[in-house]
Amino acid sequence: MNLNNNFLKLKTIAVNISIFLILLLQSSCDGCSPSGRRSRQKSSTSYEKPKRDVLNNNNVPVTTPNKINSNGQSLNALYNKYRNSVFMVYTSDGINAYQGSGFFISKDGLALSNYHVFEGTSKGLEIIETLDKQQLKIVNVVKKSKEYDYIVFRVQIGNYNIQNPLPISTQTPEIGEDVFAIGNPRGLESTLSKGIVSALRDNNNLIQTTTEITHGSSGGPLINMKGEVIGITTAGLGEANLNFAVNIKALELKNN
């Protein structure tokens, strides 16, 4: 009888120890410092270094409703006005060819794109191809930043007429604001996508948006419903509709 009682006591102790160990393991994670939790959370929502598009892949353009905004301009009207100012960027490292996007912000050929679209490629092999199939060359780089993933350059336009260069917004975008992007995802020219500003990150230097950004559309404009550029589309995670654009204010440009 005593043996049975001792056995039951030992069994109870063993169960209690098991429960204690389980709780201890859980608390070792949940009880870590707040900064440690924020660090893990931040890493889970940060985007990977974006990639240029591999040529000749397929993608489906995103369709959007044709609503009139408070400025009396429909999304369709804004798209038709500015789509010719968004162009393809072809780059090469001498072996592989890559494709991204870019856009004009002045009539004399000042243009913007992502730094990563050109990173590691050979100077002089870049080709700017407009929507009407004009192929132009880059004259010089005005400024660039690997950290903020942007490049400002001037295109030799010759007699080419840039009718509606994109104006630069001087205001910080608001959370929930309607925005849209024009780009060339997977090489599909002049694709329109629409969303909202989801959040501002990195001291407002990075815009998080639900506007879809796919490989090949990197370097295109993120535009508000006034028809002003608020950012350079940079990357999409492909999950939970997480997309990012460099805030145009980080470039400290003057409106043209």
Protein backbone atom coordinates (compact mmCIF):
# COMPACT_ATOMS: atom_id res chain seq x y z
CA MET A 1 0.00 0.00 0.00
CA ASN A 2 2.85 2.37 0.91
CA LEU A 3 4.52 1.50 -2.35
CA ASN A 4 1.39 2.51 -4.27
CA ASN A 5 1.15 5.79 -2.35
CA ASN A 6 4.80 6.56 -2.99
CA PHE A 7 4.33 5.79 -6.68
CA LEU A 8 1.33 8.14 -6.90
CA LYS A 9 3.31 10.90 -5.15
CA LEU A 10 6.25 10.48 -7.51
CA LYS A 11 3.88 10.54 -10.51
CA THR A 12 2.26 13.75 -9.25
CA ILE A 13 5.66 15.37 -8.74
CA ALA A 14 6.73 14.36 -12.25
CA VAL A 15 3.57 15.86 -13.77
CA ASN A 16 4.08 19.10 -11.85
CA ILE A 17 7.70 19.31 -12.99
CA SER A 18 6.60 18.80 -16.62
CA ILE A 19 4.03 21.59 -16.34
CA PHE A 20 6.62 23.87 -14.73
CA LEU A 21 9.12 23.20 -17.54
CA ILE A 22 6.52 23.97 -20.21
CA LEU A 23 5.61 27.27 -18.53
CA LEU A 24 9.29 28.11 -18.12
CA LEU A 25 9.97 27.57 -21.83
CA GLN A 26 7.02 29.75 -22.78
CA SER A 27 8.06 32.54 -20.45
CA SER A 28 11.62 32.50 -21.81
CA CYS A 29 10.20 33.82 -25.11
CA ASP A 30 7.25 35.96 -24.00
CA GLY A 31 9.18 37.46 -21.11
CA CYS A 32 12.04 38.84 -23.17
CA SER A 33 12.64 42.57 -23.40
CA PRO A 34 10.16 44.82 -25.27
CA SER A 35 12.95 45.99 -27.57
CA GLY A 36 13.68 42.37 -28.45
CA ARG A 37 10.03 41.78 -29.40
CA ARG A 38 9.99 44.93 -31.53
CA SER A 39 13.20 43.83 -33.21
CA ARG A 40 11.70 40.48 -34.22
CA GLN A 41 8.48 42.14 -35.28
CA LYS A 42 10.39 44.65 -37.36
CA SER A 43 12.38 41.94 -39.10
CA SER A 44 9.21 40.04 -39.92
CA THR A 45 7.67 43.06 -41.67
CA SER A 46 10.77 44.39 -43.41
CA TYR A 47 11.04 43.63 -47.09
CA GLU A 48 13.81 41.67 -48.73
CA LYS A 49 16.15 43.42 -51.13
CA PRO A 50 14.02 43.80 -54.27
CA LYS A 51 14.91 42.11 -57.52
CA ARG A 52 14.81 43.35 -61.07
CA ASP A 53 12.47 41.56 -63.37
CA VAL A 54 13.52 38.56 -65.41
CA LEU A 55 12.50 39.36 -68.96
CA ASN A 56 9.61 37.72 -70.83
CA ASN A 57 7.67 36.43 -67.80
CA ASN A 58 3.90 36.84 -67.56
CA ASN A 59 1.77 38.79 -65.12
CA VAL A 60 -1.82 39.98 -65.00
CA PRO A 61 -2.45 43.76 -64.83
CA VAL A 62 -4.57 44.94 -61.93
CA THR A 63 -7.89 46.54 -62.84
CA THR A 64 -9.31 49.41 -60.82
CA PRO A 65 -12.64 51.23 -60.68
CA ASN A 66 -12.99 54.57 -62.51
CA LYS A 67 -14.04 56.80 -59.60
CA ILE A 68 -14.05 60.59 -59.60
CA ASN A 69 -11.87 62.03 -56.82
CA SER A 70 -12.39 65.25 -54.89
CA ASN A 71 -10.34 67.18 -57.47
CA GLY A 72 -12.77 66.25 -60.22
CA GLN A 73 -10.32 63.91 -61.96
CA SER A 74 -11.02 60.25 -62.48
CA LEU A 75 -8.36 57.60 -62.00
CA ASN A 76 -8.65 56.85 -65.71
CA ALA A 77 -8.01 60.52 -66.60
CA LEU A 78 -4.94 60.69 -64.35
CA TYR A 79 -3.61 57.43 -65.74
CA ASN A 80 -4.04 58.55 -69.36
CA LYS A 81 -2.42 61.90 -68.60
CA TYR A 82 0.75 60.51 -67.02
CA ARG A 83 1.30 57.01 -68.38
CA ASN A 84 3.51 58.26 -71.24
CA SER A 85 5.93 59.72 -68.68
CA VAL A 86 6.58 56.25 -67.22
CA PHE A 87 9.17 54.20 -69.10
CA MET A 88 10.94 50.87 -69.19
CA VAL A 89 14.52 50.65 -67.96
CA TYR A 90 16.72 47.96 -69.48
CA THR A 91 20.09 47.29 -67.86
CA SER A 92 22.79 44.66 -68.28
CA ASP A 93 25.93 43.44 -66.57
CA GLY A 94 27.29 42.31 -69.93
CA ILE A 95 25.87 38.81 -69.51
CA ASN A 96 22.39 39.08 -68.07
CA ALA A 97 19.68 41.57 -68.99
CA TYR A 98 17.33 43.15 -66.45
CA GLN A 99 14.21 45.29 -66.59
CA GLY A 100 12.75 47.90 -64.27
CA SER A 101 10.75 51.11 -64.44
CA GLY A 102 11.36 54.86 -64.22
CA PHE A 103 9.59 58.14 -64.88
CA PHE A 104 10.16 61.69 -66.07
CA ILE A 105 9.72 64.65 -63.72
CA SER A 106 10.71 67.42 -66.15
CA LYS A 107 10.32 68.25 -69.83
CA ASP A 108 14.10 68.32 -70.32
CA GLY A 109 14.54 64.66 -69.35
CA LEU A 110 15.15 64.61 -65.59
CA ALA A 111 14.05 61.18 -64.40
CA LEU A 112 13.84 58.91 -61.34
CA SER A 113 14.12 55.20 -60.64
CA ASN A 114 15.43 52.79 -57.98
CA TYR A 115 19.13 52.43 -57.28
CA HIS A 116 18.82 48.64 -57.31
CA VAL A 117 17.58 48.68 -60.93
CA PHE A 118 21.07 49.84 -61.95
CA GLU A 119 23.18 48.25 -59.23
CA GLY A 120 25.92 45.93 -60.52
CA THR A 121 25.26 46.73 -64.18
CA SER A 122 27.66 48.11 -66.77
CA LYS A 123 27.63 51.84 -67.39
CA GLY A 124 26.54 52.74 -70.91
CA LEU A 125 24.46 49.60 -71.47
CA GLU A 126 21.30 51.15 -70.04
CA ILE A 127 18.37 51.76 -72.38
CA ILE A 128 15.37 53.95 -71.60
CA GLU A 129 12.36 52.83 -73.66
CA THR A 130 9.26 55.02 -73.67
CA LEU A 131 5.71 53.79 -74.09
CA ASP A 132 5.78 54.75 -77.78
CA LYS A 133 8.96 52.67 -78.25
CA GLN A 134 11.49 55.50 -78.40
CA GLN A 135 14.87 54.31 -77.11
CA LEU A 136 16.92 56.93 -75.28
CA LYS A 137 20.21 57.04 -73.41
CA ILE A 138 21.21 58.40 -70.01
CA VAL A 139 23.45 61.47 -70.11
CA ASN A 140 24.50 61.66 -66.47
CA VAL A 141 23.54 60.74 -62.93
CA VAL A 142 22.49 63.75 -60.85
CA LYS A 143 22.30 62.04 -57.44
CA LYS A 144 21.81 58.58 -56.01
CA SER A 145 21.46 56.72 -52.73
CA LYS A 146 21.92 53.02 -52.13
CA GLU A 147 20.56 53.40 -48.61
CA TYR A 148 17.25 54.92 -49.73
CA ASP A 149 17.25 53.06 -53.06
CA TYR A 150 16.83 55.94 -55.49
CA ILE A 151 18.65 57.41 -58.47
CA VAL A 152 18.11 60.74 -60.21
CA PHE A 153 19.44 60.98 -63.76
CA ARG A 154 19.06 62.96 -66.96
CA VAL A 155 18.01 61.37 -70.24
CA GLN A 156 19.17 62.65 -73.61
CA ILE A 157 15.76 63.27 -75.16
CA GLY A 158 16.74 65.07 -78.37
CA ASN A 159 13.50 65.96 -80.17
CA TYR A 160 11.41 63.69 -77.98
CA ASN A 161 8.47 65.56 -76.42
CA ILE A 162 7.66 64.83 -72.78
CA GLN A 163 4.16 66.28 -72.63
CA ASN A 164 3.22 65.63 -69.01
CA PRO A 165 6.17 65.08 -66.68
CA LEU A 166 5.01 64.01 -63.25
CA PRO A 167 4.81 66.79 -60.64
CA ILE A 168 6.36 66.18 -57.22
CA SER A 169 4.19 66.31 -54.11
CA THR A 170 5.33 68.68 -51.39
CA GLN A 171 3.05 67.16 -48.73
CA THR A 172 3.61 64.11 -46.55
CA PRO A 173 0.97 61.52 -47.53
CA GLU A 174 -1.73 60.66 -45.03
CA ILE A 175 -2.52 57.17 -43.75
CA GLY A 176 -5.57 55.86 -45.62
CA GLU A 177 -5.04 58.17 -48.59
CA ASP A 178 -5.94 56.73 -52.02
CA VAL A 179 -2.91 56.25 -54.27
CA PHE A 180 -2.02 54.43 -57.48
CA ALA A 181 1.06 53.23 -59.34
CA ILE A 182 2.00 52.96 -63.00
CA GLY A 183 4.74 50.48 -63.81
CA ASN A 184 5.94 47.62 -65.96
CA PRO A 185 5.62 44.44 -63.86
CA ARG A 186 7.10 41.39 -65.59
CA GLY A 187 7.62 43.60 -68.64
CA LEU A 188 3.90 44.36 -69.04
CA GLU A 189 3.98 48.02 -70.00
CA SER A 190 1.92 50.73 -68.39
CA THR A 191 0.18 48.56 -65.80
CA LEU A 192 -2.07 50.38 -63.35
CA SER A 193 -2.57 49.31 -59.73
CA LYS A 194 -4.42 51.08 -56.94
CA GLY A 195 -4.45 51.05 -53.13
CA ILE A 196 -4.03 53.20 -50.05
CA VAL A 197 -1.18 54.45 -47.90
CA SER A 198 -1.00 51.85 -45.13
CA ALA A 199 1.73 53.37 -42.96
CA LEU A 200 4.83 55.55 -42.91
CA ARG A 201 8.07 53.83 -41.85
CA ASP A 202 11.71 54.73 -41.22
CA ASN A 203 11.05 58.30 -40.04
CA ASN A 204 8.60 58.80 -42.93
CA ASN A 205 11.26 57.95 -45.53
CA LEU A 206 9.41 54.78 -46.52
CA ILE A 207 5.76 54.52 -47.53
CA GLN A 208 3.91 51.26 -46.92
CA THR A 209 1.01 50.77 -49.32
CA THR A 210 -1.55 48.21 -50.49
CA THR A 211 -0.80 49.26 -54.08
CA GLU A 212 0.66 46.14 -55.69
CA ILE A 213 4.33 46.34 -56.61
CA THR A 214 5.78 43.43 -58.58
CA HIS A 215 9.24 42.69 -60.03
CA GLY A 216 9.76 44.95 -63.03
CA SER A 217 7.59 47.75 -61.67
CA SER A 218 10.35 48.81 -59.26
CA GLY A 219 11.32 52.41 -59.96
CA GLY A 220 7.89 53.57 -61.09
CA PRO A 221 5.85 56.36 -59.50
CA LEU A 222 3.43 56.09 -56.59
CA ILE A 223 0.92 58.87 -57.24
CA ASN A 224 -1.77 60.57 -55.16
CA MET A 225 -5.21 61.49 -56.48
CA LYS A 226 -4.01 65.02 -57.24
CA GLY A 227 -1.71 63.52 -59.85
CA GLU A 228 1.45 64.16 -57.79
CA VAL A 229 4.29 61.70 -57.16
CA ILE A 230 4.57 60.79 -53.49
CA GLY A 231 7.05 57.94 -53.84
CA ILE A 232 9.19 55.63 -55.97
CA THR A 233 7.79 52.09 -55.92
CA THR A 234 10.46 49.80 -54.55
CA ALA A 235 9.32 46.34 -53.41
CA GLY A 236 6.45 44.04 -52.54
CA LEU A 237 6.51 41.14 -50.11
CA GLY A 238 3.86 39.14 -51.91
CA GLU A 239 2.10 38.41 -48.63
CA ALA A 240 -0.45 40.36 -46.58
CA ASN A 241 -0.41 43.00 -49.33
CA LEU A 242 2.81 44.58 -48.03
CA ASN A 243 4.35 46.95 -50.58
CA PHE A 244 6.83 49.78 -50.16
CA ALA A 245 7.87 53.00 -51.88
CA VAL A 246 10.62 55.50 -51.15
CA ASN A 247 9.01 58.72 -49.94
CA ILE A 248 9.71 61.35 -52.60
CA LYS A 249 10.47 63.86 -49.85
CA ALA A 250 13.58 61.83 -48.94
CA LEU A 251 15.12 62.96 -52.26
CA GLU A 252 14.74 66.67 -51.41
CA LEU A 253 13.77 67.57 -54.96
CA LYS A 254 12.30 70.83 -56.16
CA ASN A 255 9.06 70.63 -58.13
CA ASN A 256 9.57 71.09 -61.86
